């Protein structure tokens, strides 16, 4: 029995894909089996890479949402600080006027 093997390697992981090639004695049938095995392994690799891309995009969306939420919180704090300074300035003006 023969196999066709492909290996995906990245910084984070290695993944091996393997399919059996039919061992027919007829050359044409063997080539057909090899072709089918290559197509099958290609489909497996494509499905795997697609799932990685989807997971990566979901992580990026989550990170983006978290960053936006942090940015909104910082803007609110800056607005609050601005209001506090304005209130203090107004109070000081009132005090000066009343003297």
PDB file of N, CA and C in Angstrom:
ATOM      1  N   UNK A   1       0.856  -1.171   0.000  1.00  0.00           N
ATOM      2  CA  UNK A   1       0.000   0.000   0.000  1.00  0.00           C
ATOM      3  C   UNK A   1       0.903   1.236   0.000  1.00  0.00           C
ATOM      4  N   UNK A   2       0.579   2.209  -0.837  1.00  0.00           N
ATOM      5  CA  UNK A   2       1.357   3.444  -0.943  1.00  0.00           C
ATOM      6  C   UNK A   2       0.560   4.599  -0.373  1.00  0.00           C
ATOM      7  N   UNK A   3       1.288   5.609   0.071  1.00  0.00           N
ATOM      8  CA  UNK A   3       0.663   6.796   0.642  1.00  0.00           C
ATOM      9  C   UNK A   3       1.217   8.046  -0.019  1.00  0.00           C
ATOM     10  N   UNK A   4       0.418   9.075  -0.019  1.00  0.00           N
ATOM     11  CA  UNK A   4       0.887  10.400  -0.391  1.00  0.00           C
ATOM     12  C   UNK A   4       0.775  11.242   0.876  1.00  0.00           C
ATOM     13  N   UNK A   5       1.833  11.986   1.160  1.00  0.00           N
ATOM     14  CA  UNK A   5       1.892  12.760   2.396  1.00  0.00           C
ATOM     15  C   UNK A   5       2.271  14.206   2.085  1.00  0.00           C
ATOM     16  N   UNK A   6       1.634  15.129   2.788  1.00  0.00           N
ATOM     17  CA  UNK A   6       1.968  16.551   2.698  1.00  0.00           C
ATOM     18  C   UNK A   6       2.059  17.078   4.124  1.00  0.00           C
ATOM     19  N   UNK A   7       3.005  17.974   4.354  1.00  0.00           N
ATOM     20  CA  UNK A   7       3.192  18.531   5.688  1.00  0.00           C
ATOM     21  C   UNK A   7       3.073  20.048   5.629  1.00  0.00           C
ATOM     22  N   UNK A   8       2.247  20.582   6.512  1.00  0.00           N
ATOM     23  CA  UNK A   8       2.103  22.036   6.683  1.00  0.00           C
ATOM     24  C   UNK A   8       2.953  22.428   7.885  1.00  0.00           C
ATOM     25  N   UNK A   9       3.825  23.402   7.703  1.00  0.00           N
ATOM     26  CA  UNK A   9       4.701  23.853   8.774  1.00  0.00           C
ATOM     27  C   UNK A   9       4.554  25.354   8.956  1.00  0.00           C
ATOM     28  N   UNK A  10       4.361  25.760  10.209  1.00  0.00           N
ATOM     29  CA  UNK A  10       4.313  27.188  10.535  1.00  0.00           C
ATOM     30  C   UNK A  10       5.114  27.405  11.808  1.00  0.00           C
ATOM     31  N   UNK A  11       5.176  28.658  12.256  1.00  0.00           N
ATOM     32  CA  UNK A  11       5.887  28.964  13.488  1.00  0.00           C
ATOM     33  C   UNK A  11       5.236  28.299  14.690  1.00  0.00           C
ATOM     34  N   UNK A  12       3.922  28.084  14.607  1.00  0.00           N
ATOM     35  CA  UNK A  12       3.173  27.567  15.744  1.00  0.00           C
ATOM     36  C   UNK A  12       2.970  26.054  15.739  1.00  0.00           C
ATOM     37  N   UNK A  13       2.982  25.442  14.552  1.00  0.00           N
ATOM     38  CA  UNK A  13       2.672  24.016  14.513  1.00  0.00           C
ATOM     39  C   UNK A  13       3.111  23.357  13.205  1.00  0.00           C
ATOM     40  N   UNK A  14       3.115  22.044  13.241  1.00  0.00           N
ATOM     41  CA  UNK A  14       3.328  21.216  12.050  1.00  0.00           C
ATOM     42  C   UNK A  14       2.129  20.287  11.945  1.00  0.00           C
ATOM     43  N   UNK A  15       1.597  20.144  10.757  1.00  0.00           N
ATOM     44  CA  UNK A  15       0.452  19.244  10.554  1.00  0.00           C
ATOM     45  C   UNK A  15       0.731  18.413   9.314  1.00  0.00           C
ATOM     46  N   UNK A  16       0.510  17.105   9.438  1.00  0.00           N
ATOM     47  CA  UNK A  16       0.743  16.179   8.331  1.00  0.00           C
ATOM     48  C   UNK A  16      -0.593  15.664   7.812  1.00  0.00           C
ATOM     49  N   UNK A  17      -0.707  15.634   6.505  1.00  0.00           N
ATOM     50  CA  UNK A  17      -1.885  15.109   5.819  1.00  0.00           C
ATOM     51  C   UNK A  17      -1.439  13.886   5.033  1.00  0.00           C
ATOM     52  N   UNK A  18      -2.277  12.833   5.048  1.00  0.00           N
ATOM     53  CA  UNK A  18      -1.877  11.607   4.366  1.00  0.00           C
ATOM     54  C   UNK A  18      -3.095  10.914   3.753  1.00  0.00           C
ATOM     55  N   UNK A  19      -2.899  10.396   2.535  1.00  0.00           N
ATOM     56  CA  UNK A  19      -3.938   9.623   1.856  1.00  0.00           C
ATOM     57  C   UNK A  19      -3.307   8.385   1.229  1.00  0.00           C
ATOM     58  N   UNK A  20      -4.112   7.358   1.148  1.00  0.00           N
ATOM     59  CA  UNK A  20      -3.663   6.101   0.543  1.00  0.00           C
ATOM     60  C   UNK A  20      -3.817   6.167  -0.968  1.00  0.00           C
ATOM     61  N   UNK A  21      -2.826   5.624  -1.671  1.00  0.00           N
ATOM     62  CA  UNK A  21      -2.879   5.521  -3.128  1.00  0.00           C
ATOM     63  C   UNK A  21      -3.181   4.065  -3.462  1.00  0.00           C
ATOM     64  N   UNK A  22      -4.164   3.861  -4.323  1.00  0.00           N
ATOM     65  CA  UNK A  22      -4.499   2.484  -4.695  1.00  0.00           C
ATOM     66  C   UNK A  22      -3.322   1.850  -5.441  1.00  0.00           C
ATOM     67  N   UNK A  23      -3.063   0.581  -5.157  1.00  0.00           N
ATOM     68  CA  UNK A  23      -1.934  -0.145  -5.759  1.00  0.00           C
ATOM     69  C   UNK A  23      -2.405  -1.040  -6.901  1.00  0.00           C
ATOM     70  N   UNK A  24      -2.989  -0.450  -7.875  1.00  0.00           N
ATOM     71  CA  UNK A  24      -3.417  -1.209  -9.041  1.00  0.00           C
ATOM     72  C   UNK A  24      -2.214  -1.465  -9.938  1.00  0.00           C
ATOM     73  N   UNK A  25      -2.178  -2.619 -10.575  1.00  0.00           N
ATOM     74  CA  UNK A  25      -1.057  -2.957 -11.458  1.00  0.00           C
ATOM     75  C   UNK A  25      -1.167  -2.248 -12.801  1.00  0.00           C
ATOM     76  N   UNK A  26      -2.379  -1.911 -13.173  1.00  0.00           N
ATOM     77  CA  UNK A  26      -2.598  -1.204 -14.435  1.00  0.00           C
ATOM     78  C   UNK A  26      -2.114   0.236 -14.254  1.00  0.00           C
ATOM     79  N   UNK A  27      -1.238   0.717 -15.110  1.00  0.00           N
ATOM     80  CA  UNK A  27      -0.646   2.049 -14.995  1.00  0.00           C
ATOM     81  C   UNK A  27      -1.665   3.157 -15.002  1.00  0.00           C
ATOM     82  N   UNK A  28      -2.682   3.048 -15.854  1.00  0.00           N
ATOM     83  CA  UNK A  28      -3.700   4.097 -15.956  1.00  0.00           C
ATOM     84  C   UNK A  28      -4.509   4.167 -14.666  1.00  0.00           C
ATOM     85  N   UNK A  29      -4.882   3.017 -14.127  1.00  0.00           N
ATOM     86  CA  UNK A  29      -5.650   2.989 -12.884  1.00  0.00           C
ATOM     87  C   UNK A  29      -4.811   3.537 -11.742  1.00  0.00           C
ATOM     88  N   UNK A  30      -3.513   3.217 -11.721  1.00  0.00           N
ATOM     89  CA  UNK A  30      -2.624   3.717 -10.672  1.00  0.00           C
ATOM     90  C   UNK A  30      -2.493   5.246 -10.761  1.00  0.00           C
ATOM     91  N   UNK A  31      -2.361   5.781 -11.953  1.00  0.00           N
ATOM     92  CA  UNK A  31      -2.274   7.232 -12.134  1.00  0.00           C
ATOM     93  C   UNK A  31      -3.579   7.899 -11.701  1.00  0.00           C
ATOM     94  N   UNK A  32      -4.702   7.257 -12.026  1.00  0.00           N
ATOM     95  CA  UNK A  32      -5.995   7.791 -11.599  1.00  0.00           C
ATOM     96  C   UNK A  32      -6.073   7.809 -10.061  1.00  0.00           C
ATOM     97  N   UNK A  33      -5.632   6.742  -9.421  1.00  0.00           N
ATOM     98  CA  UNK A  33      -5.633   6.676  -7.952  1.00  0.00           C
ATOM     99  C   UNK A  33      -4.733   7.738  -7.349  1.00  0.00           C
ATOM    100  N   UNK A  34      -3.574   7.948  -7.966  1.00  0.00           N
ATOM    101  CA  UNK A  34      -2.646   8.979  -7.506  1.00  0.00           C
ATOM    102  C   UNK A  34      -3.283  10.365  -7.644  1.00  0.00           C
ATOM    103  N   UNK A  35      -3.919  10.605  -8.784  1.00  0.00           N
ATOM    104  CA  UNK A  35      -4.588  11.886  -9.022  1.00  0.00           C
ATOM    105  C   UNK A  35      -5.685  12.133  -7.987  1.00  0.00           C
ATOM    106  N   UNK A  36      -6.481  11.115  -7.716  1.00  0.00           N
ATOM    107  CA  UNK A  36      -7.552  11.249  -6.723  1.00  0.00           C
ATOM    108  C   UNK A  36      -6.984  11.505  -5.331  1.00  0.00           C
ATOM    109  N   UNK A  37      -5.909  10.832  -4.985  1.00  0.00           N
ATOM    110  CA  UNK A  37      -5.279  11.047  -3.673  1.00  0.00           C
ATOM    111  C   UNK A  37      -4.750  12.467  -3.541  1.00  0.00           C
ATOM    112  N   UNK A  38      -4.160  12.982  -4.612  1.00  0.00           N
ATOM    113  CA  UNK A  38      -3.657  14.364  -4.591  1.00  0.00           C
ATOM    114  C   UNK A  38      -4.813  15.343  -4.424  1.00  0.00           C
ATOM    115  N   UNK A  39      -5.902  15.121  -5.135  1.00  0.00           N
ATOM    116  CA  UNK A  39      -7.070  15.995  -4.996  1.00  0.00           C
ATOM    117  C   UNK A  39      -7.616  15.945  -3.563  1.00  0.00           C
ATOM    118  N   UNK A  40      -7.673  14.736  -2.995  1.00  0.00           N
ATOM    119  CA  UNK A  40      -8.188  14.593  -1.633  1.00  0.00           C
ATOM    120  C   UNK A  40      -7.303  15.295  -0.606  1.00  0.00           C
ATOM    121  N   UNK A  41      -6.000  15.137  -0.750  1.00  0.00           N
ATOM    122  CA  UNK A  41      -5.091  15.781   0.200  1.00  0.00           C
ATOM    123  C   UNK A  41      -5.142  17.299   0.026  1.00  0.00           C
ATOM    124  N   UNK A  42      -5.299  17.759  -1.202  1.00  0.00           N
ATOM    125  CA  UNK A  42      -5.432  19.195  -1.456  1.00  0.00           C
ATOM    126  C   UNK A  42      -6.688  19.740  -0.788  1.00  0.00           C
ATOM    127  N   UNK A  43      -7.795  19.012  -0.876  1.00  0.00           N
ATOM    128  CA  UNK A  43      -9.037  19.430  -0.210  1.00  0.00           C
ATOM    129  C   UNK A  43      -8.854  19.484   1.306  1.00  0.00           C
ATOM    130  N   UNK A  44      -8.180  18.489   1.872  1.00  0.00           N
ATOM    131  CA  UNK A  44      -7.932  18.470   3.316  1.00  0.00           C
ATOM    132  C   UNK A  44      -7.112  19.686   3.742  1.00  0.00           C
ATOM    133  N   UNK A  45      -6.068  19.983   2.994  1.00  0.00           N
ATOM    134  CA  UNK A  45      -5.218  21.134   3.307  1.00  0.00           C
ATOM    135  C   UNK A  45      -6.017  22.433   3.199  1.00  0.00           C
ATOM    136  N   UNK A  46      -6.816  22.568   2.138  1.00  0.00           N
ATOM    137  CA  UNK A  46      -7.624  23.778   1.964  1.00  0.00           C
ATOM    138  C   UNK A  46      -8.615  23.959   3.114  1.00  0.00           C
ATOM    139  N   UNK A  47      -9.259  22.889   3.539  1.00  0.00           N
ATOM    140  CA  UNK A  47     -10.202  22.970   4.658  1.00  0.00           C
ATOM    141  C   UNK A  47      -9.481  23.383   5.935  1.00  0.00           C
ATOM    142  N   UNK A  48      -8.308  22.802   6.165  1.00  0.00           N
ATOM    143  CA  UNK A  48      -7.541  23.127   7.360  1.00  0.00           C
ATOM    144  C   UNK A  48      -7.115  24.598   7.353  1.00  0.00           C
ATOM    145  N   UNK A  49      -6.566  25.056   6.236  1.00  0.00           N
ATOM    146  CA  UNK A  49      -6.120  26.451   6.154  1.00  0.00           C
ATOM    147  C   UNK A  49      -7.286  27.426   6.262  1.00  0.00           C
ATOM    148  N   UNK A  50      -8.420  27.056   5.701  1.00  0.00           N
ATOM    149  CA  UNK A  50      -9.607  27.899   5.819  1.00  0.00           C
ATOM    150  C   UNK A  50     -10.033  28.021   7.277  1.00  0.00           C
ATOM    151  N   UNK A  51     -10.002  26.909   8.005  1.00  0.00           N
ATOM    152  CA  UNK A  51     -10.383  26.955   9.421  1.00  0.00           C
ATOM    153  C   UNK A  51      -9.399  27.821  10.213  1.00  0.00           C
ATOM    154  N   UNK A  52      -8.112  27.776   9.867  1.00  0.00           N
ATOM    155  CA  UNK A  52      -7.129  28.638  10.532  1.00  0.00           C
ATOM    156  C   UNK A  52      -7.412  30.110  10.251  1.00  0.00           C
ATOM    157  N   UNK A  53      -7.746  30.420   9.006  1.00  0.00           N
ATOM    158  CA  UNK A  53      -8.030  31.808   8.637  1.00  0.00           C
ATOM    159  C   UNK A  53      -9.272  32.318   9.365  1.00  0.00           C
ATOM    160  N   UNK A  54     -10.299  31.498   9.465  1.00  0.00           N
ATOM    161  CA  UNK A  54     -11.521  31.900  10.158  1.00  0.00           C
ATOM    162  C   UNK A  54     -11.217  32.161  11.625  1.00  0.00           C
ATOM    163  N   UNK A  55     -10.470  31.260  12.256  1.00  0.00           N
ATOM    164  CA  UNK A  55     -10.108  31.443  13.667  1.00  0.00           C
ATOM    165  C   UNK A  55      -9.269  32.700  13.847  1.00  0.00           C
ATOM    166  N   UNK A  56      -8.342  32.938  12.943  1.00  0.00           N
ATOM    167  CA  UNK A  56      -7.498  34.128  13.019  1.00  0.00           C
ATOM    168  C   UNK A  56      -8.324  35.402  12.866  1.00  0.00           C
ATOM    169  N   UNK A  57      -9.255  35.400  11.930  1.00  0.00           N
ATOM    170  CA  UNK A  57     -10.120  36.568  11.728  1.00  0.00           C
ATOM    171  C   UNK A  57     -11.003  36.825  12.941  1.00  0.00           C
ATOM    172  N   UNK A  58     -11.506  35.759  13.571  1.00  0.00           N
ATOM    173  CA  UNK A  58     -12.324  35.918  14.775  1.00  0.00           C
ATOM    174  C   UNK A  58     -11.491  36.527  15.893  1.00  0.00           C
ATOM    175  N   UNK A  59     -10.243  36.074  16.033  1.00  0.00           N
ATOM    176  CA  UNK A  59      -9.356  36.636  17.055  1.00  0.00           C
ATOM    177  C   UNK A  59      -9.064  38.101  16.774  1.00  0.00           C
ATOM    178  N   UNK A  60      -8.863  38.450  15.509  1.00  0.00           N
ATOM    179  CA  UNK A  60      -8.596  39.840  15.144  1.00  0.00           C
ATOM    180  C   UNK A  60      -9.818  40.711  15.420  1.00  0.00           C
ATOM    181  N   UNK A  61     -11.025  40.186  15.125  1.00  0.00           N
ATOM    182  CA  UNK A  61     -12.248  40.946  15.377  1.00  0.00           C
ATOM    183  C   UNK A  61     -12.414  41.193  16.867  1.00  0.00           C
ATOM    184  N   UNK A  62     -12.135  40.168  17.675  1.00  0.00           N
ATOM    185  CA  UNK A  62     -12.248  40.291  19.126  1.00  0.00           C
ATOM    186  C   UNK A  62     -11.246  41.317  19.643  1.00  0.00           C
ATOM    187  N   UNK A  63     -10.021  41.249  19.158  1.00  0.00           N
ATOM    188  CA  UNK A  63      -8.989  42.208  19.576  1.00  0.00           C
ATOM    189  C   UNK A  63      -9.370  43.619  19.172  1.00  0.00           C
ATOM    190  N   UNK A  64      -9.915  43.766  17.980  1.00  0.00           N
ATOM    191  CA  UNK A  64     -10.321  45.092  17.491  1.00  0.00           C
ATOM    192  C   UNK A  64     -11.444  45.647  18.358  1.00  0.00           C
ATOM    193  N   UNK A  65     -12.427  44.802  18.702  1.00  0.00           N
ATOM    194  CA  UNK A  65     -13.534  45.246  19.545  1.00  0.00           C
ATOM    195  C   UNK A  65     -13.027  45.657  20.920  1.00  0.00           C
ATOM    196  N   UNK A  66     -12.089  44.880  21.482  1.00  0.00           N
ATOM    197  CA  UNK A  66     -11.538  45.213  22.784  1.00  0.00           C
ATOM    198  C   UNK A  66     -10.774  46.533  22.720  1.00  0.00           C
ATOM    199  N   UNK A  67     -10.019  46.741  21.666  1.00  0.00           N
ATOM    200  CA  UNK A  67      -9.262  47.984  21.512  1.00  0.00           C
ATOM    201  C   UNK A  67     -10.211  49.169  21.376  1.00  0.00           C
ATOM    202  N   UNK A  68     -11.286  48.995  20.618  1.00  0.00           N
ATOM    203  CA  UNK A  68     -12.259  50.066  20.458  1.00  0.00           C
ATOM    204  C   UNK A  68     -12.940  50.381  21.783  1.00  0.00           C
ATOM    205  N   UNK A  69     -13.256  49.335  22.563  1.00  0.00           N
ATOM    206  CA  UNK A  69     -13.892  49.546  23.865  1.00  0.00           C
ATOM    207  C   UNK A  69     -12.945  50.294  24.797  1.00  0.00           C
ATOM    208  N   UNK A  70     -11.667  49.952  24.787  1.00  0.00           N
ATOM    209  CA  UNK A  70     -10.693  50.659  25.612  1.00  0.00           C
ATOM    210  C   UNK A  70     -10.559  52.110  25.162  1.00  0.00           C
ATOM    211  N   UNK A  71     -10.577  52.328  23.863  1.00  0.00           N
ATOM    212  CA  UNK A  71     -10.499  53.684  23.330  1.00  0.00           C
ATOM    213  C   UNK A  71     -11.701  54.513  23.754  1.00  0.00           C
ATOM    214  N   UNK A  72     -12.890  53.908  23.734  1.00  0.00           N
ATOM    215  CA  UNK A  72     -14.110  54.601  24.155  1.00  0.00           C
ATOM    216  C   UNK A  72     -14.023  54.975  25.629  1.00  0.00           C
ATOM    217  N   UNK A  73     -13.498  54.054  26.453  1.00  0.00           N
ATOM    218  CA  UNK A  73     -13.366  54.330  27.879  1.00  0.00           C
ATOM    219  C   UNK A  73     -12.400  55.496  28.109  1.00  0.00           C
ATOM    220  N   UNK A  74     -11.305  55.513  27.372  1.00  0.00           N
ATOM    221  CA  UNK A  74     -10.336  56.603  27.518  1.00  0.00           C
ATOM    222  C   UNK A  74     -10.937  57.937  27.104  1.00  0.00           C
ATOM    223  N   UNK A  75     -11.727  57.937  26.022  1.00  0.00           N
ATOM    224  CA  UNK A  75     -12.380  59.169  25.576  1.00  0.00           C
ATOM    225  C   UNK A  75     -13.351  59.680  26.637  1.00  0.00           C
ATOM    226  N   UNK A  76     -14.102  58.761  27.258  1.00  0.00           N
ATOM    227  CA  UNK A  76     -15.049  59.151  28.299  1.00  0.00           C
ATOM    228  C   UNK A  76     -14.307  59.760  29.479  1.00  0.00           C
ATOM    229  N   UNK A  77     -13.158  59.149  29.851  1.00  0.00           N
ATOM    230  CA  UNK A  77     -12.372  59.683  30.957  1.00  0.00           C
ATOM    231  C   UNK A  77     -11.854  61.075  30.619  1.00  0.00           C
ATOM    232  N   UNK A  78     -11.397  61.275  29.392  1.00  0.00           N
ATOM    233  CA  UNK A  78     -10.908  62.583  28.973  1.00  0.00           C
ATOM    234  C   UNK A  78     -12.035  63.606  28.991  1.00  0.00           C
ATOM    235  N   UNK A  79     -13.221  63.209  28.556  1.00  0.00           N
ATOM    236  CA  UNK A  79     -14.366  64.110  28.579  1.00  0.00           C
ATOM    237  C   UNK A  79     -14.717  64.476  30.008  1.00  0.00           C
ATOM    238  N   UNK A  80     -14.693  63.473  30.905  1.00  0.00           N
ATOM    239  CA  UNK A  80     -14.991  63.724  32.311  1.00  0.00           C
ATOM    240  C   UNK A  80     -13.963  64.683  32.904  1.00  0.00           C
ATOM    241  N   UNK A  81     -12.692  64.482  32.586  1.00  0.00           N
ATOM    242  CA  UNK A  81     -11.647  65.373  33.074  1.00  0.00           C
ATOM    243  C   UNK A  81     -11.879  66.783  32.564  1.00  0.00           C
ATOM    244  N   UNK A  82     -12.260  66.915  31.325  1.00  0.00           N
ATOM    245  CA  UNK A  82     -12.545  68.225  30.738  1.00  0.00           C
ATOM    246  C   UNK A  82     -13.702  68.897  31.437  1.00  0.00           C
ATOM    247  N   UNK A  83     -14.733  68.150  31.782  1.00  0.00           N
ATOM    248  CA  UNK A  83     -15.892  68.706  32.486  1.00  0.00           C
ATOM    249  C   UNK A  83     -15.486  69.171  33.872  1.00  0.00           C
ATOM    250  N   UNK A  84     -14.665  68.384  34.548  1.00  0.00           N
ATOM    251  CA  UNK A  84     -14.202  68.758  35.877  1.00  0.00           C
ATOM    252  C   UNK A  84     -13.427  70.062  35.819  1.00  0.00           C
ATOM    253  N   UNK A  85     -12.564  70.239  34.841  1.00  0.00           N
ATOM    254  CA  UNK A  85     -11.781  71.459  34.711  1.00  0.00           C
ATOM    255  C   UNK A  85     -12.691  72.638  34.411  1.00  0.00           C
ATOM    256  N   UNK A  86     -13.694  72.431  33.575  1.00  0.00           N
ATOM    257  CA  UNK A  86     -14.633  73.499  33.227  1.00  0.00           C
ATOM    258  C   UNK A  86     -15.423  73.909  34.464  1.00  0.00           C
ATOM    259  N   UNK A  87     -15.863  72.923  35.232  1.00  0.00           N
ATOM    260  CA  UNK A  87     -16.619  73.219  36.445  1.00  0.00           C
ATOM    261  C   UNK A  87     -15.764  74.005  37.416  1.00  0.00           C
ATOM    262  N   UNK A  88     -14.519  73.626  37.561  1.00  0.00           N
ATOM    263  CA  UNK A  88     -13.608  74.314  38.460  1.00  0.00           C
ATOM    264  C   UNK A  88     -13.389  75.746  37.983  1.00  0.00           C
ATOM    265  N   UNK A  89     -13.187  75.935  36.698  1.00  0.00           N
ATOM    266  CA  UNK A  89     -12.995  77.271  36.148  1.00  0.00           C
ATOM    267  C   UNK A  89     -14.236  78.135  36.372  1.00  0.00           C
ATOM    268  N   UNK A  90     -15.405  77.559  36.165  1.00  0.00           N
ATOM    269  CA  UNK A  90     -16.655  78.303  36.369  1.00  0.00           C
ATOM    270  C   UNK A  90     -16.815  78.685  37.829  1.00  0.00           C
ATOM    271  N   UNK A  91     -16.481  77.774  38.740  1.00  0.00           N
ATOM    272  CA  UNK A  91     -16.572  78.055  40.169  1.00  0.00           C
ATOM    273  C   UNK A  91     -15.615  79.176  40.544  1.00  0.00           C
ATOM    274  N   UNK A  92     -14.402  79.156  39.982  1.00  0.00           N
ATOM    275  CA  UNK A  92     -13.429  80.208  40.268  1.00  0.00           C
ATOM    276  C   UNK A  92     -13.929  81.561  39.765  1.00  0.00           C
ATOM    277  N   UNK A  93     -14.541  81.584  38.579  1.00  0.00           N
ATOM    278  CA  UNK A  93     -15.077  82.821  38.032  1.00  0.00           C
ATOM    279  C   UNK A  93     -16.195  83.358  38.921  1.00  0.00           C
ATOM    280  N   UNK A  94     -17.049  82.461  39.402  1.00  0.00           N
ATOM    281  CA  UNK A  94     -18.148  82.881  40.278  1.00  0.00           C
ATOM    282  C   UNK A  94     -17.594  83.470  41.551  1.00  0.00           C
ATOM    283  N   UNK A  95     -16.554  82.847  42.080  1.00  0.00           N
ATOM    284  CA  UNK A  95     -15.953  83.351  43.316  1.00  0.00           C
ATOM    285  C   UNK A  95     -15.370  84.735  43.102  1.00  0.00           C
ATOM    286  N   UNK A  96     -14.721  84.950  41.979  1.00  0.00           N
ATOM    287  CA  UNK A  96     -14.117  86.250  41.694  1.00  0.00           C
ATOM    288  C   UNK A  96     -15.212  87.301  41.548  1.00  0.00           C
ATOM    289  N   UNK A  97     -16.297  86.957  40.932  1.00  0.00           N
ATOM    290  CA  UNK A  97     -17.374  87.900  40.712  1.00  0.00           C
ATOM    291  C   UNK A  97     -18.029  88.274  42.028  1.00  0.00           C
ATOM    292  N   UNK A  98     -18.199  87.301  42.903  1.00  0.00           N
ATOM    293  CA  UNK A  98     -18.902  87.558  44.153  1.00  0.00           C
ATOM    294  C   UNK A  98     -18.056  88.353  45.155  1.00  0.00           C
ATOM    295  N   UNK A  99     -16.777  88.442  44.967  1.00  0.00           N
ATOM    296  CA  UNK A  99     -15.916  89.155  45.924  1.00  0.00           C
ATOM    297  C   UNK A  99     -16.094  90.567  45.774  1.00  0.00           C
TER     298      UNK A  99
END
